Amino acid sequence: MNYYIVIPAHNEEAFIALTLNSLISQTVLPKKVVVVNDNSTDKTAEIVTAFAKQNPFITLVNKTSEAIHLPGSKVIQAFQKGYETLDKEYDVIVKLDADLILPNNYFETILTIFEKDTSIGMAGGFAYIEKNGKWILENLTDKDHIRGAFKAYRKACFEQIGNLKPAMGWDTVDELLSKFHGWKVVTDASLIVKHLKPTGANYNKTARYKQGEAFYTLGYGFLITCIASAKLAMMKKKPLLFFDYIKGFWKAKTAKTPLLVTTEQAKFIRNYRLKKMKEKLF
């Protein structure tokens, strides 16, 4: 199996070299790596160009966009720009952040997971962040969820879910749609990915409402949104975020914001979410 990687990067001069070093040190190398320089004003492009000279499978694509960092849409638009430059001769496509250090066996392990079971559509490790000199699990999500920072998709699954959605919630809807189509989503706890910049570090205040909007566009409905909002606010140790999320949900509902999923998919998602919640309670 071979794999291609697309890395959206905006002002990542502090980290991009560490990420690329961990890629060129993989026990199974990627066939292609596309770094999308998304309107950077620092030395991101220069660093990537230097790596590309030494490693022909790395290429740089430049993209211009607004400087404002809104979760979801900007990063996926950059991903699409990179993906469009690739051929379709891959078995696995990977969306990777530019602020990660991956273990050297990361992609060898991921490919083995895909090879062992053809019904697996997505696979990934776990994100760790540094706190007080120690690397600890970045505990923002369930153990069966793959973080948006490192997503690996089997080609057939990626095509069936219709690529990635340029909106906040893209890294939840991809998994829910995979399950809707009968694919398995697998995580491997042995794969420890060092996440150098905590999730959401660059988000502005409007991003708070975006989370509630995301819950709405995923077809969650109000009850599941309330539960998911409370859980996320507690995980972030910021209880008042709950009210921002709920406000975002109602703003999206009032504005009749289009859903990211069909009516049938939304029904499946609500049933799936409720089932998972019941499993945790009983």
C-alpha atoms as a PDB file:
ATOM      1  CA  MET A   1       0.000   0.000   0.000  1.00  0.00           C
ATOM      2  CA  ASN A   2       1.171   3.537  -0.624  1.00  0.00           C
ATOM      3  CA  TYR A   3       0.058   6.758   1.003  1.00  0.00           C
ATOM      4  CA  TYR A   4      -0.050  10.457   0.137  1.00  0.00           C
ATOM      5  CA  ILE A   5      -0.029  13.274   2.707  1.00  0.00           C
ATOM      6  CA  VAL A   6      -1.464  16.803   2.479  1.00  0.00           C
ATOM      7  CA  ILE A   7      -0.321  19.328   5.126  1.00  0.00           C
ATOM      8  CA  PRO A   8      -2.104  22.699   5.366  1.00  0.00           C
ATOM      9  CA  ALA A   9       0.355  25.181   6.928  1.00  0.00           C
ATOM     10  CA  HIS A  10      -0.129  28.776   8.069  1.00  0.00           C
ATOM     11  CA  ASN A  11       2.801  30.485   9.843  1.00  0.00           C
ATOM     12  CA  GLU A  12       4.294  27.217  11.097  1.00  0.00           C
ATOM     13  CA  GLU A  13       8.007  28.135  10.949  1.00  0.00           C
ATOM     14  CA  ALA A  14       8.421  27.047  14.578  1.00  0.00           C
ATOM     15  CA  PHE A  15       7.163  23.502  13.951  1.00  0.00           C
ATOM     16  CA  ILE A  16       7.076  22.529  10.260  1.00  0.00           C
ATOM     17  CA  ALA A  17      10.700  21.288  10.210  1.00  0.00           C
ATOM     18  CA  LEU A  18       9.985  18.964  13.141  1.00  0.00           C
ATOM     19  CA  THR A  19       6.945  17.567  11.333  1.00  0.00           C
ATOM     20  CA  LEU A  20       8.797  17.056   8.048  1.00  0.00           C
ATOM     21  CA  ASN A  21      11.754  15.481   9.864  1.00  0.00           C
ATOM     22  CA  SER A  22       9.408  12.962  11.438  1.00  0.00           C
ATOM     23  CA  LEU A  23       7.987  12.178   7.971  1.00  0.00           C
ATOM     24  CA  ILE A  24      11.338  11.607   6.261  1.00  0.00           C
ATOM     25  CA  SER A  25      12.260   9.351   9.210  1.00  0.00           C
ATOM     26  CA  GLN A  26       9.267   7.024   8.727  1.00  0.00           C
ATOM     27  CA  THR A  27      10.034   3.303   8.373  1.00  0.00           C
ATOM     28  CA  VAL A  28       7.669   3.334   5.377  1.00  0.00           C
ATOM     29  CA  LEU A  29       8.053   6.606   3.491  1.00  0.00           C
ATOM     30  CA  PRO A  30       5.125   8.447   1.890  1.00  0.00           C
ATOM     31  CA  LYS A  31       4.991   8.431  -1.906  1.00  0.00           C
ATOM     32  CA  LYS A  32       4.007  12.113  -1.950  1.00  0.00           C
ATOM     33  CA  VAL A  33       3.806  14.933   0.589  1.00  0.00           C
ATOM     34  CA  VAL A  34       2.169  18.217  -0.405  1.00  0.00           C
ATOM     35  CA  VAL A  35       2.574  21.159   1.972  1.00  0.00           C
ATOM     36  CA  VAL A  36       0.063  23.923   1.289  1.00  0.00           C
ATOM     37  CA  ASN A  37       1.527  27.240   2.382  1.00  0.00           C
ATOM     38  CA  ASP A  38      -1.680  29.069   3.284  1.00  0.00           C
ATOM     39  CA  ASN A  39      -0.890  32.784   3.257  1.00  0.00           C
ATOM     40  CA  SER A  40       2.056  32.497   5.657  1.00  0.00           C
ATOM     41  CA  THR A  41       3.966  35.671   6.495  1.00  0.00           C
ATOM     42  CA  ASP A  42       6.901  33.853   8.108  1.00  0.00           C
ATOM     43  CA  LYS A  43       9.557  31.415   6.804  1.00  0.00           C
ATOM     44  CA  THR A  44       7.233  28.407   6.396  1.00  0.00           C
ATOM     45  CA  ALA A  45       7.667  28.323   2.590  1.00  0.00           C
ATOM     46  CA  GLU A  46      11.484  28.635   2.793  1.00  0.00           C
ATOM     47  CA  ILE A  47      11.742  25.749   5.254  1.00  0.00           C
ATOM     48  CA  VAL A  48       9.519  23.490   3.123  1.00  0.00           C
ATOM     49  CA  THR A  49      11.456  24.391  -0.043  1.00  0.00           C
ATOM     50  CA  ALA A  50      14.709  23.370   1.658  1.00  0.00           C
ATOM     51  CA  PHE A  51      13.205  19.983   2.580  1.00  0.00           C
ATOM     52  CA  ALA A  52      11.801  19.533  -0.949  1.00  0.00           C
ATOM     53  CA  LYS A  53      15.280  19.977  -2.455  1.00  0.00           C
ATOM     54  CA  GLN A  54      16.581  17.060  -0.395  1.00  0.00           C
ATOM     55  CA  ASN A  55      13.418  14.928  -0.618  1.00  0.00           C
ATOM     56  CA  PRO A  56      11.805  14.839  -4.083  1.00  0.00           C
ATOM     57  CA  PHE A  57       8.514  13.412  -2.755  1.00  0.00           C
ATOM     58  CA  ILE A  58       7.858  16.702  -0.900  1.00  0.00           C
ATOM     59  CA  THR A  59       6.273  19.580  -2.836  1.00  0.00           C
ATOM     60  CA  LEU A  60       5.119  23.068  -1.870  1.00  0.00           C
ATOM     61  CA  VAL A  61       1.878  24.672  -3.043  1.00  0.00           C
ATOM     62  CA  ASN A  62       1.120  28.316  -2.255  1.00  0.00           C
ATOM     63  CA  LYS A  63      -2.389  29.490  -1.427  1.00  0.00           C
ATOM     64  CA  THR A  64      -3.743  32.936  -0.592  1.00  0.00           C
ATOM     65  CA  SER A  65      -6.627  33.294   1.857  1.00  0.00           C
ATOM     66  CA  GLU A  66      -7.875  35.564   4.607  1.00  0.00           C
ATOM     67  CA  ALA A  67      -5.622  35.855   7.626  1.00  0.00           C
ATOM     68  CA  ILE A  68      -8.469  35.180  10.083  1.00  0.00           C
ATOM     69  CA  HIS A  69      -8.238  31.689  11.568  1.00  0.00           C
ATOM     70  CA  LEU A  70     -11.675  30.101  11.714  1.00  0.00           C
ATOM     71  CA  PRO A  71     -11.767  26.433  12.657  1.00  0.00           C
ATOM     72  CA  GLY A  72     -12.602  23.987   9.904  1.00  0.00           C
ATOM     73  CA  SER A  73     -13.221  25.905   6.704  1.00  0.00           C
ATOM     74  CA  LYS A  74      -9.795  27.519   6.202  1.00  0.00           C
ATOM     75  CA  VAL A  75      -7.759  24.396   6.893  1.00  0.00           C
ATOM     76  CA  ILE A  76      -9.916  22.161   4.683  1.00  0.00           C
ATOM     77  CA  GLN A  77      -9.877  24.662   1.811  1.00  0.00           C
ATOM     78  CA  ALA A  78      -6.079  24.493   2.043  1.00  0.00           C
ATOM     79  CA  PHE A  79      -6.246  20.687   2.137  1.00  0.00           C
ATOM     80  CA  GLN A  80      -8.412  20.676  -1.023  1.00  0.00           C
ATOM     81  CA  LYS A  81      -5.888  22.907  -2.797  1.00  0.00           C
ATOM     82  CA  GLY A  82      -3.158  20.371  -2.060  1.00  0.00           C
ATOM     83  CA  TYR A  83      -5.325  17.349  -2.842  1.00  0.00           C
ATOM     84  CA  GLU A  84      -6.173  18.768  -6.284  1.00  0.00           C
ATOM     85  CA  THR A  85      -2.472  18.639  -7.225  1.00  0.00           C
ATOM     86  CA  LEU A  86      -2.279  14.878  -6.597  1.00  0.00           C
ATOM     87  CA  ASP A  87      -3.043  11.942  -8.874  1.00  0.00           C
ATOM     88  CA  LYS A  88      -5.309   9.124  -7.661  1.00  0.00           C
ATOM     89  CA  GLU A  89      -2.587   6.453  -7.458  1.00  0.00           C
ATOM     90  CA  TYR A  90      -2.768   6.197  -3.666  1.00  0.00           C
ATOM     91  CA  ASP A  91      -4.252   3.583  -1.339  1.00  0.00           C
ATOM     92  CA  VAL A  92      -4.402   5.877   1.696  1.00  0.00           C
ATOM     93  CA  ILE A  93      -4.776   9.674   1.838  1.00  0.00           C
ATOM     94  CA  VAL A  94      -3.665  11.546   4.953  1.00  0.00           C
ATOM     95  CA  LYS A  95      -4.564  15.013   6.215  1.00  0.00           C
ATOM     96  CA  LEU A  96      -1.830  16.116   8.602  1.00  0.00           C
ATOM     97  CA  ASP A  97      -1.236  19.244  10.673  1.00  0.00           C
ATOM     98  CA  ALA A  98       2.096  21.097  10.484  1.00  0.00           C
ATOM     99  CA  ASP A  99       2.782  21.015  14.230  1.00  0.00           C
ATOM    100  CA  LEU A 100       3.240  17.306  14.953  1.00  0.00           C
ATOM    101  CA  ILE A 101       6.040  14.885  15.756  1.00  0.00           C
ATOM    102  CA  LEU A 102       5.080  11.377  14.680  1.00  0.00           C
ATOM    103  CA  PRO A 103       6.763   8.188  15.917  1.00  0.00           C
ATOM    104  CA  ASN A 104       8.988   6.635  13.206  1.00  0.00           C
ATOM    105  CA  ASN A 105       6.723   3.587  12.820  1.00  0.00           C
ATOM    106  CA  TYR A 106       3.528   5.636  12.613  1.00  0.00           C
ATOM    107  CA  PHE A 107       2.601   5.033   8.985  1.00  0.00           C
ATOM    108  CA  GLU A 108       3.970   1.490   8.856  1.00  0.00           C
ATOM    109  CA  THR A 109       1.522   0.704  11.684  1.00  0.00           C
ATOM    110  CA  ILE A 110      -1.351   2.587  10.008  1.00  0.00           C
ATOM    111  CA  LEU A 111      -0.833   0.723   6.708  1.00  0.00           C
ATOM    112  CA  THR A 112      -0.730  -2.610   8.572  1.00  0.00           C
ATOM    113  CA  ILE A 113      -4.081  -1.750  10.206  1.00  0.00           C
ATOM    114  CA  PHE A 114      -5.625  -1.099   6.778  1.00  0.00           C
ATOM    115  CA  GLU A 115      -4.065  -4.242   5.260  1.00  0.00           C
ATOM    116  CA  LYS A 116      -5.372  -6.523   8.023  1.00  0.00           C
ATOM    117  CA  ASP A 117      -9.030  -5.537   7.624  1.00  0.00           C
ATOM    118  CA  THR A 118     -10.507  -4.221   4.368  1.00  0.00           C
ATOM    119  CA  SER A 119     -13.571  -2.872   6.218  1.00  0.00           C
ATOM    120  CA  ILE A 120     -11.446  -0.298   8.081  1.00  0.00           C
ATOM    121  CA  GLY A 121     -12.004   3.094   6.460  1.00  0.00           C
ATOM    122  CA  MET A 122     -10.068   5.380   8.823  1.00  0.00           C
ATOM    123  CA  ALA A 123      -7.187   4.930  11.255  1.00  0.00           C
ATOM    124  CA  GLY A 124      -5.063   7.049  13.591  1.00  0.00           C
ATOM    125  CA  GLY A 125      -3.100   7.335  16.828  1.00  0.00           C
ATOM    126  CA  PHE A 126      -3.505   9.636  19.822  1.00  0.00           C
ATOM    127  CA  ALA A 127      -2.525  13.266  20.416  1.00  0.00           C
ATOM    128  CA  TYR A 128      -0.271  14.128  23.358  1.00  0.00           C
ATOM    129  CA  ILE A 129       0.597  17.621  24.566  1.00  0.00           C
ATOM    130  CA  GLU A 130       3.453  18.797  26.781  1.00  0.00           C
ATOM    131  CA  LYS A 131       2.558  19.892  30.308  1.00  0.00           C
ATOM    132  CA  ASN A 132       5.161  20.601  32.975  1.00  0.00           C
ATOM    133  CA  GLY A 133       7.830  18.761  30.999  1.00  0.00           C
ATOM    134  CA  LYS A 134       5.693  15.623  30.500  1.00  0.00           C
ATOM    135  CA  TRP A 135       3.768  14.440  27.436  1.00  0.00           C
ATOM    136  CA  ILE A 136       0.155  13.737  28.410  1.00  0.00           C
ATOM    137  CA  LEU A 137      -2.906  12.665  26.430  1.00  0.00           C
ATOM    138  CA  GLU A 138      -4.744  15.680  24.963  1.00  0.00           C
ATOM    139  CA  ASN A 139      -8.063  14.648  26.438  1.00  0.00           C
ATOM    140  CA  LEU A 140     -10.623  16.471  24.307  1.00  0.00           C
ATOM    141  CA  THR A 141     -12.365  13.523  22.676  1.00  0.00           C
ATOM    142  CA  ASP A 142     -13.374   9.893  23.079  1.00  0.00           C
ATOM    143  CA  LYS A 143     -10.845   7.107  22.633  1.00  0.00           C
ATOM    144  CA  ASP A 144     -12.536   5.926  19.440  1.00  0.00           C
ATOM    145  CA  HIS A 145     -12.224   9.314  17.706  1.00  0.00           C
ATOM    146  CA  ILE A 146      -9.283  10.210  15.444  1.00  0.00           C
ATOM    147  CA  ARG A 147      -8.098  13.767  15.934  1.00  0.00           C
ATOM    148  CA  GLY A 148      -8.369  16.169  13.016  1.00  0.00           C
ATOM    149  CA  ALA A 149      -4.619  16.787  13.249  1.00  0.00           C
ATOM    150  CA  PHE A 150      -3.824  13.360  11.756  1.00  0.00           C
ATOM    151  CA  LYS A 151      -6.464  11.648   9.671  1.00  0.00           C
ATOM    152  CA  ALA A 152      -5.693   8.645   7.439  1.00  0.00           C
ATOM    153  CA  TYR A 153      -8.419   7.431   5.047  1.00  0.00           C
ATOM    154  CA  ARG A 154      -8.655   4.376   2.829  1.00  0.00           C
ATOM    155  CA  LYS A 155      -9.211   5.659  -0.702  1.00  0.00           C
ATOM    156  CA  ALA A 156     -12.628   3.965  -1.160  1.00  0.00           C
ATOM    157  CA  CYS A 157     -13.871   5.371   2.165  1.00  0.00           C
ATOM    158  CA  PHE A 158     -12.562   8.870   1.401  1.00  0.00           C
ATOM    159  CA  GLU A 159     -14.346   8.879  -1.959  1.00  0.00           C
ATOM    160  CA  GLN A 160     -17.571   7.468  -0.515  1.00  0.00           C
ATOM    161  CA  ILE A 161     -17.864  10.135   2.186  1.00  0.00           C
ATOM    162  CA  GLY A 162     -17.354  12.748  -0.537  1.00  0.00           C
ATOM    163  CA  ASN A 163     -13.964  14.143   0.498  1.00  0.00           C
ATOM    164  CA  LEU A 164     -13.733  16.504   3.518  1.00  0.00           C
ATOM    165  CA  LYS A 165     -16.303  19.200   4.318  1.00  0.00           C
ATOM    166  CA  PRO A 166     -14.905  22.770   4.530  1.00  0.00           C
ATOM    167  CA  ALA A 167     -16.689  23.582   7.805  1.00  0.00           C
ATOM    168  CA  MET A 168     -16.169  23.199  11.536  1.00  0.00           C
ATOM    169  CA  GLY A 169     -17.143  19.652  12.467  1.00  0.00           C
ATOM    170  CA  TRP A 170     -15.447  18.188   9.372  1.00  0.00           C
ATOM    171  CA  ASP A 171     -13.399  15.839  11.585  1.00  0.00           C
ATOM    172  CA  THR A 172     -16.544  14.475  13.234  1.00  0.00           C
ATOM    173  CA  VAL A 173     -18.804  14.256  10.191  1.00  0.00           C
ATOM    174  CA  ASP A 174     -16.128  12.287   8.296  1.00  0.00           C
ATOM    175  CA  GLU A 175     -16.219   9.541  10.940  1.00  0.00           C
ATOM    176  CA  LEU A 176     -20.011   9.559  11.249  1.00  0.00           C
ATOM    177  CA  LEU A 177     -20.411   9.315   7.459  1.00  0.00           C
ATOM    178  CA  SER A 178     -17.820   6.520   7.360  1.00  0.00           C
ATOM    179  CA  LYS A 179     -19.923   4.599   9.879  1.00  0.00           C
ATOM    180  CA  PHE A 180     -23.104   5.446   7.944  1.00  0.00           C
ATOM    181  CA  HIS A 181     -21.527   3.736   4.920  1.00  0.00           C
ATOM    182  CA  GLY A 182     -20.445   0.730   6.971  1.00  0.00           C
ATOM    183  CA  TRP A 183     -16.742   1.502   7.444  1.00  0.00           C
ATOM    184  CA  LYS A 184     -14.858   0.928  10.705  1.00  0.00           C
ATOM    185  CA  VAL A 185     -12.902   3.733  12.392  1.00  0.00           C
ATOM    186  CA  VAL A 186      -9.875   2.425  14.307  1.00  0.00           C
ATOM    187  CA  THR A 187      -7.491   4.068  16.782  1.00  0.00           C
ATOM    188  CA  ASP A 188      -4.178   2.632  18.006  1.00  0.00           C
ATOM    189  CA  ALA A 189      -3.140   3.757  21.498  1.00  0.00           C
ATOM    190  CA  SER A 190       0.484   2.707  20.864  1.00  0.00           C
ATOM    191  CA  LEU A 191       0.854   5.538  18.317  1.00  0.00           C
ATOM    192  CA  ILE A 192       1.723   8.596  20.396  1.00  0.00           C
ATOM    193  CA  VAL A 193       1.700  11.784  18.308  1.00  0.00           C
ATOM    194  CA  LYS A 194       3.262  14.851  19.918  1.00  0.00           C
ATOM    195  CA  HIS A 195       0.948  17.793  19.244  1.00  0.00           C
ATOM    196  CA  LEU A 196       3.159  20.865  19.607  1.00  0.00           C
ATOM    197  CA  LYS A 197       0.382  23.461  19.613  1.00  0.00           C
ATOM    198  CA  PRO A 198      -2.746  22.804  21.715  1.00  0.00           C
ATOM    199  CA  THR A 199      -5.985  22.488  19.772  1.00  0.00           C
ATOM    200  CA  GLY A 200      -7.745  25.787  19.205  1.00  0.00           C
ATOM    201  CA  ALA A 201      -4.786  27.907  20.303  1.00  0.00           C
ATOM    202  CA  ASN A 202      -5.353  30.352  17.446  1.00  0.00           C
ATOM    203  CA  TYR A 203      -9.158  30.448  17.449  1.00  0.00           C
ATOM    204  CA  ASN A 204     -10.865  33.781  17.993  1.00  0.00           C
ATOM    205  CA  LYS A 205     -14.096  34.488  19.893  1.00  0.00           C
ATOM    206  CA  THR A 206     -16.411  33.754  16.964  1.00  0.00           C
ATOM    207  CA  ALA A 207     -15.077  30.186  17.049  1.00  0.00           C
ATOM    208  CA  ARG A 208     -16.991  29.608  20.297  1.00  0.00           C
ATOM    209  CA  TYR A 209     -20.286  29.957  18.471  1.00  0.00           C
ATOM    210  CA  LYS A 210     -18.925  27.923  15.558  1.00  0.00           C
ATOM    211  CA  GLN A 211     -18.855  24.822  17.767  1.00  0.00           C
ATOM    212  CA  GLY A 212     -22.604  25.096  18.418  1.00  0.00           C
ATOM    213  CA  GLU A 213     -23.177  25.741  14.720  1.00  0.00           C
ATOM    214  CA  ALA A 214     -21.169  22.594  13.971  1.00  0.00           C
ATOM    215  CA  PHE A 215     -23.409  20.536  16.254  1.00  0.00           C
ATOM    216  CA  TYR A 216     -26.423  21.897  14.365  1.00  0.00           C
ATOM    217  CA  THR A 217     -24.966  21.207  10.900  1.00  0.00           C
ATOM    218  CA  LEU A 218     -24.096  17.626  11.961  1.00  0.00           C
ATOM    219  CA  GLY A 219     -27.824  17.077  12.476  1.00  0.00           C
ATOM    220  CA  TYR A 220     -27.480  16.482  16.237  1.00  0.00           C
ATOM    221  CA  GLY A 221     -30.751  18.124  17.270  1.00  0.00           C
ATOM    222  CA  PHE A 222     -31.139  20.120  20.496  1.00  0.00           C
ATOM    223  CA  LEU A 223     -30.981  17.313  23.089  1.00  0.00           C
ATOM    224  CA  ILE A 224     -27.748  15.786  21.793  1.00  0.00           C
ATOM    225  CA  THR A 225     -26.275  19.275  21.316  1.00  0.00           C
ATOM    226  CA  CYS A 226     -26.943  20.075  24.990  1.00  0.00           C
ATOM    227  CA  ILE A 227     -25.226  16.874  26.144  1.00  0.00           C
ATOM    228  CA  ALA A 228     -22.287  17.259  23.728  1.00  0.00           C
ATOM    229  CA  SER A 229     -21.882  20.956  24.670  1.00  0.00           C
ATOM    230  CA  ALA A 230     -21.844  20.226  28.392  1.00  0.00           C
ATOM    231  CA  LYS A 231     -19.307  17.423  27.918  1.00  0.00           C
ATOM    232  CA  LEU A 232     -16.972  19.519  25.736  1.00  0.00           C
ATOM    233  CA  ALA A 233     -17.166  22.557  28.034  1.00  0.00           C
ATOM    234  CA  MET A 234     -16.238  20.357  31.012  1.00  0.00           C
ATOM    235  CA  MET A 235     -13.388  18.680  29.104  1.00  0.00           C
ATOM    236  CA  LYS A 236     -12.000  22.130  28.322  1.00  0.00           C
ATOM    237  CA  LYS A 237     -12.517  23.099  31.994  1.00  0.00           C
ATOM    238  CA  LYS A 238     -14.507  26.156  30.853  1.00  0.00           C
ATOM    239  CA  PRO A 239     -18.144  25.516  31.916  1.00  0.00           C
ATOM    240  CA  LEU A 240     -19.384  28.867  30.550  1.00  0.00           C
ATOM    241  CA  LEU A 241     -18.536  27.728  27.001  1.00  0.00           C
ATOM    242  CA  PHE A 242     -21.717  25.634  27.235  1.00  0.00           C
ATOM    243  CA  PHE A 243     -23.809  28.790  26.775  1.00  0.00           C
ATOM    244  CA  ASP A 244     -21.726  29.909  23.763  1.00  0.00           C
ATOM    245  CA  TYR A 245     -22.215  26.510  22.116  1.00  0.00           C
ATOM    246  CA  ILE A 246     -25.989  26.576  22.710  1.00  0.00           C
ATOM    247  CA  LYS A 247     -26.165  30.147  21.383  1.00  0.00           C
ATOM    248  CA  GLY A 248     -24.247  29.048  18.278  1.00  0.00           C
ATOM    249  CA  PHE A 249     -26.692  26.163  17.764  1.00  0.00           C
ATOM    250  CA  TRP A 250     -29.734  28.477  17.906  1.00  0.00           C
ATOM    251  CA  LYS A 251     -28.080  31.068  15.675  1.00  0.00           C
ATOM    252  CA  ALA A 252     -27.488  28.369  13.043  1.00  0.00           C
ATOM    253  CA  LYS A 253     -31.033  26.993  13.412  1.00  0.00           C
ATOM    254  CA  THR A 254     -32.600  30.470  13.149  1.00  0.00           C
ATOM    255  CA  ALA A 255     -30.491  31.271  10.076  1.00  0.00           C
ATOM    256  CA  LYS A 256     -31.537  27.913   8.541  1.00  0.00           C
ATOM    257  CA  THR A 257     -27.853  27.079   7.989  1.00  0.00           C
ATOM    258  CA  PRO A 258     -27.583  24.115   5.580  1.00  0.00           C
ATOM    259  CA  LEU A 259     -26.692  20.777   7.181  1.00  0.00           C
ATOM    260  CA  LEU A 260     -23.485  18.947   6.240  1.00  0.00           C
ATOM    261  CA  VAL A 261     -25.504  15.737   5.940  1.00  0.00           C
ATOM    262  CA  THR A 262     -28.710  14.458   4.342  1.00  0.00           C
ATOM    263  CA  THR A 263     -31.920  13.896   6.338  1.00  0.00           C
ATOM    264  CA  GLU A 264     -31.265  10.139   6.305  1.00  0.00           C
ATOM    265  CA  GLN A 265     -27.675  10.618   7.483  1.00  0.00           C
ATOM    266  CA  ALA A 266     -28.777  13.056  10.229  1.00  0.00           C
ATOM    267  CA  LYS A 267     -31.239  10.433  11.540  1.00  0.00           C
ATOM    268  CA  PHE A 268     -28.479   7.800  11.565  1.00  0.00           C
ATOM    269  CA  ILE A 269     -26.130  10.225  13.376  1.00  0.00           C
ATOM    270  CA  ARG A 270     -28.695  11.040  16.088  1.00  0.00           C
ATOM    271  CA  ASN A 271     -29.427   7.346  16.674  1.00  0.00           C
ATOM    272  CA  TYR A 272     -25.723   6.511  16.745  1.00  0.00           C
ATOM    273  CA  ARG A 273     -24.937   9.339  19.182  1.00  0.00           C
ATOM    274  CA  LEU A 274     -27.805   8.378  21.520  1.00  0.00           C
ATOM    275  CA  LYS A 275     -26.699   4.737  21.440  1.00  0.00           C
ATOM    276  CA  LYS A 276     -23.136   5.729  22.401  1.00  0.00           C
ATOM    277  CA  MET A 277     -24.422   7.960  25.213  1.00  0.00           C
ATOM    278  CA  LYS A 278     -26.582   5.140  26.617  1.00  0.00           C
ATOM    279  CA  GLU A 279     -23.599   2.759  26.503  1.00  0.00           C
ATOM    280  CA  LYS A 280     -21.633   5.158  28.703  1.00  0.00           C
ATOM    281  CA  LEU A 281     -24.468   5.596  31.182  1.00  0.00           C
ATOM    282  CA  PHE A 282     -25.307   1.911  31.668  1.00  0.00           C
END
